[in-house]
């Protein structure tokens, strides 16, 4: 399922490259981006203590490496003209692709990059025979919830996951409406 192929995608004047993360240097770049983005964005939503815990548990280079090599996750760097804009991670399940992560630098949000990546993911889902794209998003992350809804996702449930050390992820489950009924 994992590929070393990069994709050049364009929407209007925006062109991005989506490249699979395979090398140790790319894994370190994902961890660096995770730290920058999470500390800038998520502290106001979940607090610094939980951000620090989640970065160590889910976004450290060691954790990302384990997710790729042992858990089946595919990570992608998103770049434009050689500049890293963000990253994403997916996990293919029996009938769905789970979008585990899609994080962009603050300077790149609202420019349509997420929409291009979702278009890439929809095309991948159709080509590979998956019926759905699902994701989770923090219930207090209203801007991201609204962005996903504009891209065709609907809330279909809620989940609270205990992630240890007294922390939980309190999320909405979202499903790509454009994929419904295709499997």
N, C-alpha and C. Protein backbone atom coordinates (compact mmCIF):
# COMPACT_ATOMS: atom_id res chain seq x y z
N UNK A 1 0.81 -1.20 0.00
CA UNK A 1 0.00 0.00 0.00
C UNK A 1 0.85 1.27 0.00
N UNK A 2 2.00 1.22 0.68
CA UNK A 2 2.85 2.41 0.76
C UNK A 2 3.55 2.63 -0.58
N UNK A 3 3.71 3.89 -0.93
CA UNK A 3 4.30 4.24 -2.21
C UNK A 3 5.40 5.27 -2.01
N UNK A 4 6.37 5.25 -2.88
CA UNK A 4 7.43 6.27 -2.86
C UNK A 4 7.18 7.34 -3.91
N UNK A 5 6.01 7.34 -4.52
CA UNK A 5 5.66 8.28 -5.57
C UNK A 5 5.20 9.59 -4.94
N UNK A 6 5.67 10.71 -5.49
CA UNK A 6 5.18 12.03 -5.08
C UNK A 6 4.17 12.51 -6.12
N UNK A 7 3.27 13.35 -5.69
CA UNK A 7 2.23 13.87 -6.56
C UNK A 7 2.32 15.39 -6.61
N UNK A 8 2.24 15.94 -7.81
CA UNK A 8 2.16 17.39 -8.02
C UNK A 8 0.69 17.68 -8.29
N UNK A 9 0.08 18.52 -7.46
CA UNK A 9 -1.34 18.82 -7.59
C UNK A 9 -1.54 20.32 -7.72
N UNK A 10 -2.53 20.70 -8.52
CA UNK A 10 -2.80 22.11 -8.75
C UNK A 10 -4.28 22.38 -8.59
N UNK A 11 -4.57 23.52 -7.97
CA UNK A 11 -5.93 24.03 -7.90
C UNK A 11 -5.84 25.52 -8.14
N UNK A 12 -6.35 25.96 -9.29
CA UNK A 12 -6.18 27.37 -9.66
C UNK A 12 -4.70 27.67 -9.81
N UNK A 13 -4.22 28.69 -9.10
CA UNK A 13 -2.80 29.05 -9.17
C UNK A 13 -1.97 28.33 -8.12
N UNK A 14 -2.63 27.60 -7.22
CA UNK A 14 -1.94 26.89 -6.14
C UNK A 14 -1.44 25.54 -6.63
N UNK A 15 -0.15 25.30 -6.48
CA UNK A 15 0.41 24.00 -6.82
C UNK A 15 1.18 23.49 -5.61
N UNK A 16 0.89 22.27 -5.22
CA UNK A 16 1.58 21.66 -4.09
C UNK A 16 2.12 20.30 -4.49
N UNK A 17 3.05 19.82 -3.70
CA UNK A 17 3.61 18.48 -3.88
C UNK A 17 3.30 17.70 -2.61
N UNK A 18 2.81 16.48 -2.80
CA UNK A 18 2.53 15.57 -1.69
C UNK A 18 3.50 14.40 -1.84
N UNK A 19 4.37 14.25 -0.83
CA UNK A 19 5.43 13.24 -0.91
C UNK A 19 5.37 12.31 0.29
N UNK A 20 5.47 11.01 0.06
CA UNK A 20 5.47 10.08 1.18
C UNK A 20 6.70 10.27 2.07
N UNK A 21 6.51 10.10 3.36
CA UNK A 21 7.58 10.20 4.34
C UNK A 21 8.17 8.80 4.53
N UNK A 22 9.45 8.65 4.18
CA UNK A 22 10.10 7.35 4.31
C UNK A 22 11.46 7.44 4.99
N UNK A 23 12.16 8.54 4.80
CA UNK A 23 13.53 8.69 5.30
C UNK A 23 13.56 9.23 6.73
N UNK A 24 14.58 8.89 7.50
CA UNK A 24 14.70 9.44 8.87
C UNK A 24 14.66 10.97 8.90
N UNK A 25 15.27 11.63 7.91
CA UNK A 25 15.24 13.10 7.88
C UNK A 25 13.82 13.62 7.68
N UNK A 26 13.01 12.90 6.89
CA UNK A 26 11.61 13.31 6.67
C UNK A 26 10.79 13.07 7.95
N UNK A 27 11.06 11.99 8.64
CA UNK A 27 10.37 11.72 9.91
C UNK A 27 10.70 12.81 10.93
N UNK A 28 11.97 13.23 10.98
CA UNK A 28 12.36 14.32 11.88
C UNK A 28 11.66 15.62 11.49
N UNK A 29 11.49 15.86 10.19
CA UNK A 29 10.80 17.06 9.73
C UNK A 29 9.33 17.04 10.16
N UNK A 30 8.69 15.88 10.08
CA UNK A 30 7.31 15.76 10.57
C UNK A 30 7.24 16.10 12.06
N UNK A 31 8.15 15.56 12.85
CA UNK A 31 8.17 15.84 14.30
C UNK A 31 8.40 17.32 14.56
N UNK A 32 9.30 17.94 13.81
CA UNK A 32 9.57 19.37 13.97
C UNK A 32 8.32 20.19 13.64
N UNK A 33 7.69 19.87 12.52
CA UNK A 33 6.45 20.56 12.14
C UNK A 33 5.37 20.36 13.18
N UNK A 34 5.23 19.12 13.67
CA UNK A 34 4.22 18.84 14.69
C UNK A 34 4.41 19.73 15.90
N UNK A 35 5.63 19.85 16.37
CA UNK A 35 5.91 20.68 17.54
C UNK A 35 5.56 22.14 17.26
N UNK A 36 5.97 22.65 16.11
CA UNK A 36 5.68 24.05 15.77
C UNK A 36 4.17 24.30 15.66
N UNK A 37 3.50 23.46 14.91
CA UNK A 37 2.06 23.66 14.66
C UNK A 37 1.26 23.45 15.93
N UNK A 38 1.52 22.38 16.67
CA UNK A 38 0.74 22.10 17.87
C UNK A 38 0.92 23.18 18.94
N UNK A 39 2.16 23.64 19.12
CA UNK A 39 2.39 24.68 20.13
C UNK A 39 1.75 26.00 19.73
N UNK A 40 1.66 26.27 18.45
CA UNK A 40 1.02 27.50 17.98
C UNK A 40 -0.50 27.41 18.03
N UNK A 41 -1.06 26.26 17.69
CA UNK A 41 -2.51 26.16 17.48
C UNK A 41 -3.29 25.52 18.63
N UNK A 42 -2.79 24.44 19.19
CA UNK A 42 -3.61 23.64 20.09
C UNK A 42 -3.54 24.01 21.56
N UNK A 43 -2.58 24.83 21.97
CA UNK A 43 -2.48 25.21 23.39
C UNK A 43 -3.78 25.88 23.84
N UNK A 44 -4.36 26.74 23.02
CA UNK A 44 -5.59 27.43 23.40
C UNK A 44 -6.80 26.49 23.45
N UNK A 45 -6.69 25.33 22.80
CA UNK A 45 -7.82 24.39 22.77
C UNK A 45 -7.70 23.35 23.88
N UNK A 46 -6.50 22.78 24.08
CA UNK A 46 -6.35 21.68 25.05
C UNK A 46 -5.34 21.97 26.16
N UNK A 47 -4.63 23.08 26.09
CA UNK A 47 -3.67 23.44 27.13
C UNK A 47 -2.27 22.92 26.84
N UNK A 48 -1.26 23.63 27.39
CA UNK A 48 0.14 23.30 27.13
C UNK A 48 0.51 21.91 27.63
N UNK A 49 0.02 21.52 28.81
CA UNK A 49 0.39 20.22 29.37
C UNK A 49 -0.04 19.07 28.46
N UNK A 50 -1.28 19.14 27.95
CA UNK A 50 -1.75 18.08 27.06
C UNK A 50 -1.04 18.15 25.71
N UNK A 51 -0.75 19.34 25.21
CA UNK A 51 0.00 19.47 23.96
C UNK A 51 1.36 18.79 24.10
N UNK A 52 2.07 19.07 25.19
CA UNK A 52 3.39 18.46 25.41
C UNK A 52 3.28 16.94 25.46
N UNK A 53 2.28 16.45 26.17
CA UNK A 53 2.08 15.00 26.30
C UNK A 53 1.79 14.37 24.94
N UNK A 54 0.88 14.98 24.17
CA UNK A 54 0.48 14.41 22.89
C UNK A 54 1.62 14.49 21.85
N UNK A 55 2.40 15.56 21.91
CA UNK A 55 3.54 15.64 21.00
C UNK A 55 4.51 14.50 21.27
N UNK A 56 4.79 14.24 22.52
CA UNK A 56 5.71 13.16 22.87
C UNK A 56 5.13 11.80 22.50
N UNK A 57 3.84 11.60 22.79
CA UNK A 57 3.22 10.29 22.59
C UNK A 57 2.90 9.99 21.12
N UNK A 58 2.50 11.01 20.34
CA UNK A 58 2.00 10.77 18.99
C UNK A 58 2.80 11.44 17.87
N UNK A 59 3.58 12.48 18.18
CA UNK A 59 4.21 13.26 17.12
C UNK A 59 5.72 13.32 17.22
N UNK A 60 6.33 12.61 18.15
CA UNK A 60 7.80 12.57 18.23
C UNK A 60 8.32 11.76 17.04
N UNK A 61 9.59 11.95 16.70
CA UNK A 61 10.18 11.19 15.59
C UNK A 61 10.06 9.69 15.85
N UNK A 62 10.30 9.28 17.08
CA UNK A 62 10.21 7.86 17.42
C UNK A 62 8.78 7.33 17.22
N UNK A 63 7.80 8.10 17.67
CA UNK A 63 6.40 7.70 17.52
C UNK A 63 5.98 7.63 16.05
N UNK A 64 6.37 8.63 15.28
CA UNK A 64 6.03 8.64 13.85
C UNK A 64 6.67 7.44 13.16
N UNK A 65 7.93 7.17 13.48
CA UNK A 65 8.62 6.02 12.90
C UNK A 65 7.88 4.73 13.23
N UNK A 66 7.45 4.56 14.47
CA UNK A 66 6.70 3.36 14.88
C UNK A 66 5.38 3.28 14.12
N UNK A 67 4.68 4.41 13.99
CA UNK A 67 3.40 4.41 13.27
C UNK A 67 3.59 3.96 11.83
N UNK A 68 4.65 4.42 11.19
CA UNK A 68 4.91 4.06 9.79
C UNK A 68 5.34 2.60 9.67
N UNK A 69 6.29 2.18 10.47
CA UNK A 69 6.91 0.86 10.30
C UNK A 69 6.11 -0.28 10.90
N UNK A 70 5.33 0.00 11.96
CA UNK A 70 4.66 -1.10 12.67
C UNK A 70 3.14 -1.01 12.66
N UNK A 71 2.57 0.16 12.44
CA UNK A 71 1.12 0.32 12.58
C UNK A 71 0.40 0.58 11.27
N UNK A 72 1.13 0.70 10.17
CA UNK A 72 0.50 0.84 8.86
C UNK A 72 0.14 2.26 8.44
N UNK A 73 0.57 3.26 9.19
CA UNK A 73 0.27 4.65 8.81
C UNK A 73 1.14 5.07 7.63
N UNK A 74 0.58 5.91 6.78
CA UNK A 74 1.32 6.56 5.71
C UNK A 74 1.35 8.05 6.04
N UNK A 75 2.55 8.60 6.10
CA UNK A 75 2.73 10.04 6.33
C UNK A 75 3.13 10.70 5.02
N UNK A 76 2.73 11.96 4.87
CA UNK A 76 3.05 12.74 3.68
C UNK A 76 3.51 14.14 4.09
N UNK A 77 4.55 14.63 3.45
CA UNK A 77 4.93 16.03 3.57
C UNK A 77 4.25 16.79 2.45
N UNK A 78 3.76 17.96 2.77
CA UNK A 78 3.09 18.83 1.80
C UNK A 78 4.01 20.03 1.58
N UNK A 79 4.45 20.21 0.33
CA UNK A 79 5.40 21.27 0.03
C UNK A 79 4.93 22.09 -1.18
N UNK A 80 5.53 23.27 -1.30
CA UNK A 80 5.31 24.13 -2.47
C UNK A 80 6.65 24.77 -2.78
N UNK A 81 7.13 24.60 -3.99
CA UNK A 81 8.41 25.19 -4.43
C UNK A 81 9.53 24.88 -3.45
N UNK A 82 9.55 23.64 -2.93
CA UNK A 82 10.59 23.21 -2.02
C UNK A 82 10.41 23.63 -0.57
N UNK A 83 9.38 24.38 -0.28
CA UNK A 83 9.11 24.85 1.09
C UNK A 83 8.05 23.95 1.73
N UNK A 84 8.34 23.45 2.94
CA UNK A 84 7.40 22.57 3.63
C UNK A 84 6.27 23.40 4.22
N UNK A 85 5.04 22.99 3.92
CA UNK A 85 3.84 23.70 4.36
C UNK A 85 3.13 22.99 5.49
N UNK A 86 3.28 21.66 5.57
CA UNK A 86 2.59 20.88 6.57
C UNK A 86 2.76 19.40 6.29
N UNK A 87 1.93 18.61 6.95
CA UNK A 87 2.02 17.16 6.78
C UNK A 87 0.67 16.53 7.06
N UNK A 88 0.55 15.28 6.63
CA UNK A 88 -0.68 14.52 6.83
C UNK A 88 -0.32 13.07 7.09
N UNK A 89 -1.27 12.35 7.67
CA UNK A 89 -1.10 10.91 7.89
C UNK A 89 -2.44 10.23 7.70
N UNK A 90 -2.38 9.06 7.06
CA UNK A 90 -3.59 8.27 6.85
C UNK A 90 -3.35 6.84 7.29
N UNK A 91 -4.45 6.15 7.54
CA UNK A 91 -4.41 4.73 7.85
C UNK A 91 -5.52 4.07 7.05
N UNK A 92 -5.14 3.12 6.20
CA UNK A 92 -6.13 2.39 5.41
C UNK A 92 -6.72 1.27 6.26
N UNK A 93 -8.04 1.24 6.33
CA UNK A 93 -8.75 0.19 7.05
C UNK A 93 -9.56 -0.61 6.04
N UNK A 94 -10.42 -1.51 6.48
CA UNK A 94 -11.09 -2.43 5.56
C UNK A 94 -11.90 -1.72 4.47
N UNK A 95 -12.73 -0.75 4.83
CA UNK A 95 -13.57 -0.07 3.83
C UNK A 95 -13.35 1.43 3.83
N UNK A 96 -12.35 1.89 4.55
CA UNK A 96 -12.20 3.34 4.68
C UNK A 96 -10.73 3.73 4.74
N UNK A 97 -10.51 4.99 4.44
CA UNK A 97 -9.23 5.63 4.73
C UNK A 97 -9.49 6.57 5.89
N UNK A 98 -8.74 6.39 6.96
CA UNK A 98 -8.84 7.26 8.13
C UNK A 98 -7.78 8.35 8.00
N UNK A 99 -8.24 9.60 7.93
CA UNK A 99 -7.33 10.74 7.91
C UNK A 99 -6.96 11.04 9.36
N UNK A 100 -5.80 10.58 9.76
CA UNK A 100 -5.36 10.72 11.14
C UNK A 100 -4.84 12.12 11.44
N UNK A 101 -4.16 12.72 10.47
CA UNK A 101 -3.54 14.02 10.70
C UNK A 101 -3.53 14.82 9.40
N UNK A 102 -3.83 16.09 9.52
CA UNK A 102 -3.65 17.05 8.43
C UNK A 102 -3.36 18.39 9.10
N UNK A 103 -2.09 18.74 9.15
CA UNK A 103 -1.66 19.94 9.86
C UNK A 103 -0.86 20.83 8.94
N UNK A 104 -1.22 22.11 8.93
CA UNK A 104 -0.54 23.10 8.11
C UNK A 104 0.01 24.22 8.98
N UNK A 105 1.12 24.80 8.53
CA UNK A 105 1.66 25.97 9.21
C UNK A 105 0.62 27.09 9.21
N UNK A 106 0.64 27.93 10.22
CA UNK A 106 -0.37 28.99 10.33
C UNK A 106 -0.38 29.88 9.10
N UNK A 107 0.78 30.14 8.51
CA UNK A 107 0.86 31.01 7.32
C UNK A 107 0.22 30.39 6.09
N UNK A 108 -0.09 29.09 6.14
CA UNK A 108 -0.62 28.38 4.97
C UNK A 108 -2.09 28.01 5.08
N UNK A 109 -2.69 28.25 6.25
CA UNK A 109 -4.10 27.91 6.43
C UNK A 109 -5.00 28.89 5.67
N UNK A 110 -6.11 28.36 5.18
CA UNK A 110 -7.08 29.20 4.47
C UNK A 110 -6.72 29.48 3.02
N UNK A 111 -5.71 28.81 2.50
CA UNK A 111 -5.27 29.03 1.12
C UNK A 111 -5.72 27.93 0.17
N UNK A 112 -6.46 26.95 0.66
CA UNK A 112 -6.95 25.88 -0.19
C UNK A 112 -6.07 24.64 -0.21
N UNK A 113 -5.01 24.62 0.59
CA UNK A 113 -4.09 23.48 0.61
C UNK A 113 -4.79 22.25 1.17
N UNK A 114 -5.54 22.42 2.25
CA UNK A 114 -6.30 21.30 2.83
C UNK A 114 -7.28 20.73 1.82
N UNK A 115 -7.94 21.61 1.09
CA UNK A 115 -8.90 21.18 0.07
C UNK A 115 -8.21 20.37 -1.03
N UNK A 116 -7.02 20.80 -1.43
CA UNK A 116 -6.27 20.04 -2.44
C UNK A 116 -5.92 18.66 -1.89
N UNK A 117 -5.46 18.62 -0.62
CA UNK A 117 -5.10 17.32 -0.04
C UNK A 117 -6.33 16.42 0.05
N UNK A 118 -7.47 16.95 0.45
CA UNK A 118 -8.69 16.14 0.53
C UNK A 118 -9.07 15.63 -0.86
N UNK A 119 -8.92 16.45 -1.88
CA UNK A 119 -9.18 15.99 -3.25
C UNK A 119 -8.26 14.83 -3.64
N UNK A 120 -6.99 14.94 -3.27
CA UNK A 120 -6.04 13.85 -3.48
C UNK A 120 -6.51 12.59 -2.76
N UNK A 121 -6.97 12.75 -1.53
CA UNK A 121 -7.41 11.60 -0.73
C UNK A 121 -8.68 10.97 -1.30
N UNK A 122 -9.60 11.78 -1.78
CA UNK A 122 -10.81 11.24 -2.42
C UNK A 122 -10.43 10.44 -3.67
N UNK A 123 -9.54 10.98 -4.48
CA UNK A 123 -9.10 10.26 -5.68
C UNK A 123 -8.41 8.94 -5.30
N UNK A 124 -7.59 8.97 -4.26
CA UNK A 124 -6.92 7.76 -3.78
C UNK A 124 -7.94 6.75 -3.29
N UNK A 125 -8.93 7.21 -2.54
CA UNK A 125 -9.96 6.31 -2.02
C UNK A 125 -10.72 5.62 -3.15
N UNK A 126 -11.13 6.39 -4.16
CA UNK A 126 -11.83 5.80 -5.30
C UNK A 126 -10.93 4.83 -6.05
N UNK A 127 -9.70 5.23 -6.33
CA UNK A 127 -8.79 4.39 -7.10
C UNK A 127 -8.46 3.09 -6.38
N UNK A 128 -8.36 3.14 -5.06
CA UNK A 128 -7.99 1.96 -4.28
C UNK A 128 -9.19 1.17 -3.76
N UNK A 129 -10.41 1.61 -4.11
CA UNK A 129 -11.60 0.85 -3.76
C UNK A 129 -12.13 1.04 -2.34
N UNK A 130 -11.79 2.15 -1.72
CA UNK A 130 -12.31 2.42 -0.37
C UNK A 130 -13.63 3.16 -0.46
N UNK A 131 -14.56 2.84 0.44
CA UNK A 131 -15.89 3.44 0.41
C UNK A 131 -16.01 4.75 1.15
N UNK A 132 -15.12 5.02 2.09
CA UNK A 132 -15.27 6.19 2.95
C UNK A 132 -13.93 6.81 3.30
N UNK A 133 -13.98 8.07 3.64
CA UNK A 133 -12.88 8.74 4.32
C UNK A 133 -13.45 9.22 5.64
N UNK A 134 -12.78 8.87 6.72
CA UNK A 134 -13.23 9.30 8.04
C UNK A 134 -12.10 10.06 8.72
N UNK A 135 -12.46 10.81 9.75
CA UNK A 135 -11.48 11.53 10.55
C UNK A 135 -12.11 11.86 11.89
N UNK A 136 -11.27 12.28 12.83
CA UNK A 136 -11.75 12.79 14.10
C UNK A 136 -11.23 14.21 14.25
N UNK A 137 -12.00 15.05 14.95
CA UNK A 137 -11.59 16.43 15.20
C UNK A 137 -12.07 16.84 16.58
N UNK A 138 -11.22 17.54 17.33
CA UNK A 138 -11.57 17.99 18.67
C UNK A 138 -12.86 18.80 18.63
N UNK A 139 -13.77 18.51 19.56
CA UNK A 139 -15.07 19.18 19.59
C UNK A 139 -14.97 20.69 19.74
N UNK A 140 -13.87 21.18 20.31
CA UNK A 140 -13.70 22.62 20.50
C UNK A 140 -12.95 23.28 19.35
N UNK A 141 -12.63 22.55 18.33
CA UNK A 141 -11.87 23.06 17.18
C UNK A 141 -12.85 23.49 16.09
N UNK A 142 -13.64 24.52 16.38
CA UNK A 142 -14.76 24.91 15.52
C UNK A 142 -14.33 25.32 14.12
N UNK A 143 -13.20 26.00 13.98
CA UNK A 143 -12.75 26.42 12.66
C UNK A 143 -12.43 25.24 11.76
N UNK A 144 -11.80 24.23 12.33
CA UNK A 144 -11.46 23.04 11.55
C UNK A 144 -12.70 22.23 11.22
N UNK A 145 -13.62 22.13 12.17
CA UNK A 145 -14.88 21.42 11.91
C UNK A 145 -15.59 22.07 10.73
N UNK A 146 -15.68 23.40 10.75
CA UNK A 146 -16.34 24.13 9.67
C UNK A 146 -15.62 23.92 8.34
N UNK A 147 -14.28 23.93 8.36
CA UNK A 147 -13.52 23.71 7.12
C UNK A 147 -13.80 22.32 6.54
N UNK A 148 -13.82 21.30 7.41
CA UNK A 148 -14.11 19.95 6.92
C UNK A 148 -15.54 19.85 6.39
N UNK A 149 -16.47 20.52 7.03
CA UNK A 149 -17.85 20.50 6.53
C UNK A 149 -17.94 21.14 5.15
N UNK A 150 -17.19 22.22 4.92
CA UNK A 150 -17.16 22.85 3.60
C UNK A 150 -16.56 21.93 2.55
N UNK A 151 -15.71 20.99 3.00
CA UNK A 151 -15.07 20.05 2.07
C UNK A 151 -15.88 18.76 1.93
N UNK A 152 -17.11 18.73 2.48
CA UNK A 152 -17.99 17.59 2.27
C UNK A 152 -18.04 16.56 3.37
N UNK A 153 -17.53 16.88 4.56
CA UNK A 153 -17.59 15.96 5.68
C UNK A 153 -18.76 16.31 6.58
N UNK A 154 -19.37 15.28 7.16
CA UNK A 154 -20.46 15.45 8.13
C UNK A 154 -20.08 14.80 9.44
N UNK A 155 -20.56 15.36 10.54
CA UNK A 155 -20.39 14.74 11.85
C UNK A 155 -21.34 13.56 11.93
N UNK A 156 -20.82 12.39 12.32
CA UNK A 156 -21.70 11.23 12.45
C UNK A 156 -21.61 10.58 13.82
N UNK A 157 -20.84 11.13 14.72
CA UNK A 157 -20.75 10.57 16.06
C UNK A 157 -19.75 11.32 16.91
N UNK A 158 -19.59 10.82 18.11
CA UNK A 158 -18.64 11.41 19.06
C UNK A 158 -17.85 10.28 19.69
N UNK A 159 -16.62 10.59 20.11
CA UNK A 159 -15.79 9.59 20.78
C UNK A 159 -14.90 10.31 21.79
N UNK A 160 -14.76 9.69 22.95
CA UNK A 160 -13.83 10.17 23.96
C UNK A 160 -12.82 9.05 24.19
N UNK A 161 -11.55 9.32 23.87
CA UNK A 161 -10.49 8.34 24.04
C UNK A 161 -9.56 8.75 25.16
N UNK A 162 -9.38 7.85 26.12
CA UNK A 162 -8.42 8.05 27.20
C UNK A 162 -7.03 7.78 26.61
N UNK A 163 -6.17 8.80 26.63
CA UNK A 163 -4.84 8.64 26.05
C UNK A 163 -3.75 8.55 27.13
N UNK A 164 -4.17 8.42 28.37
CA UNK A 164 -3.21 8.25 29.46
C UNK A 164 -2.89 9.55 30.19
N UNK A 165 -2.26 9.41 31.36
CA UNK A 165 -1.83 10.55 32.17
C UNK A 165 -2.97 11.50 32.51
N UNK A 166 -4.22 10.98 32.52
CA UNK A 166 -5.38 11.81 32.85
C UNK A 166 -5.91 12.63 31.68
N UNK A 167 -5.38 12.45 30.49
CA UNK A 167 -5.81 13.22 29.32
C UNK A 167 -6.76 12.38 28.45
N UNK A 168 -7.69 13.09 27.79
CA UNK A 168 -8.61 12.45 26.85
C UNK A 168 -8.62 13.25 25.55
N UNK A 169 -8.97 12.56 24.49
CA UNK A 169 -9.27 13.22 23.23
C UNK A 169 -10.79 13.17 23.09
N UNK A 170 -11.42 14.33 23.12
CA UNK A 170 -12.87 14.47 23.06
C UNK A 170 -13.22 14.98 21.67
N UNK A 171 -13.58 14.04 20.79
CA UNK A 171 -13.67 14.35 19.36
C UNK A 171 -15.04 14.06 18.76
N UNK A 172 -15.28 14.75 17.64
CA UNK A 172 -16.35 14.36 16.73
C UNK A 172 -15.77 13.39 15.72
N UNK A 173 -16.57 12.42 15.31
CA UNK A 173 -16.26 11.54 14.20
C UNK A 173 -16.87 12.19 12.96
N UNK A 174 -16.09 12.28 11.90
CA UNK A 174 -16.59 12.88 10.67
C UNK A 174 -16.40 11.92 9.50
N UNK A 175 -17.32 11.99 8.56
CA UNK A 175 -17.35 11.08 7.41
C UNK A 175 -17.49 11.91 6.14
N UNK A 176 -16.77 11.54 5.10
CA UNK A 176 -16.86 12.26 3.84
C UNK A 176 -18.20 11.97 3.18
N UNK A 177 -19.03 12.99 3.08
CA UNK A 177 -20.36 12.83 2.49
C UNK A 177 -20.28 12.41 1.03
N UNK A 178 -19.25 12.88 0.30
CA UNK A 178 -19.15 12.57 -1.12
C UNK A 178 -18.83 11.09 -1.37
N UNK A 179 -18.42 10.38 -0.33
CA UNK A 179 -18.07 8.98 -0.49
C UNK A 179 -19.24 8.05 -0.12
N UNK A 180 -20.24 8.55 0.58
CA UNK A 180 -21.32 7.71 1.07
C UNK A 180 -21.97 6.90 -0.04
N UNK A 181 -22.18 5.64 0.23
CA UNK A 181 -22.88 4.78 -0.70
C UNK A 181 -22.02 4.23 -1.83
N UNK A 182 -20.71 4.48 -1.77
CA UNK A 182 -19.88 4.03 -2.88
C UNK A 182 -19.28 2.65 -2.65
N UNK A 183 -19.53 2.01 -1.49
CA UNK A 183 -18.96 0.67 -1.34
C UNK A 183 -20.04 -0.36 -1.21
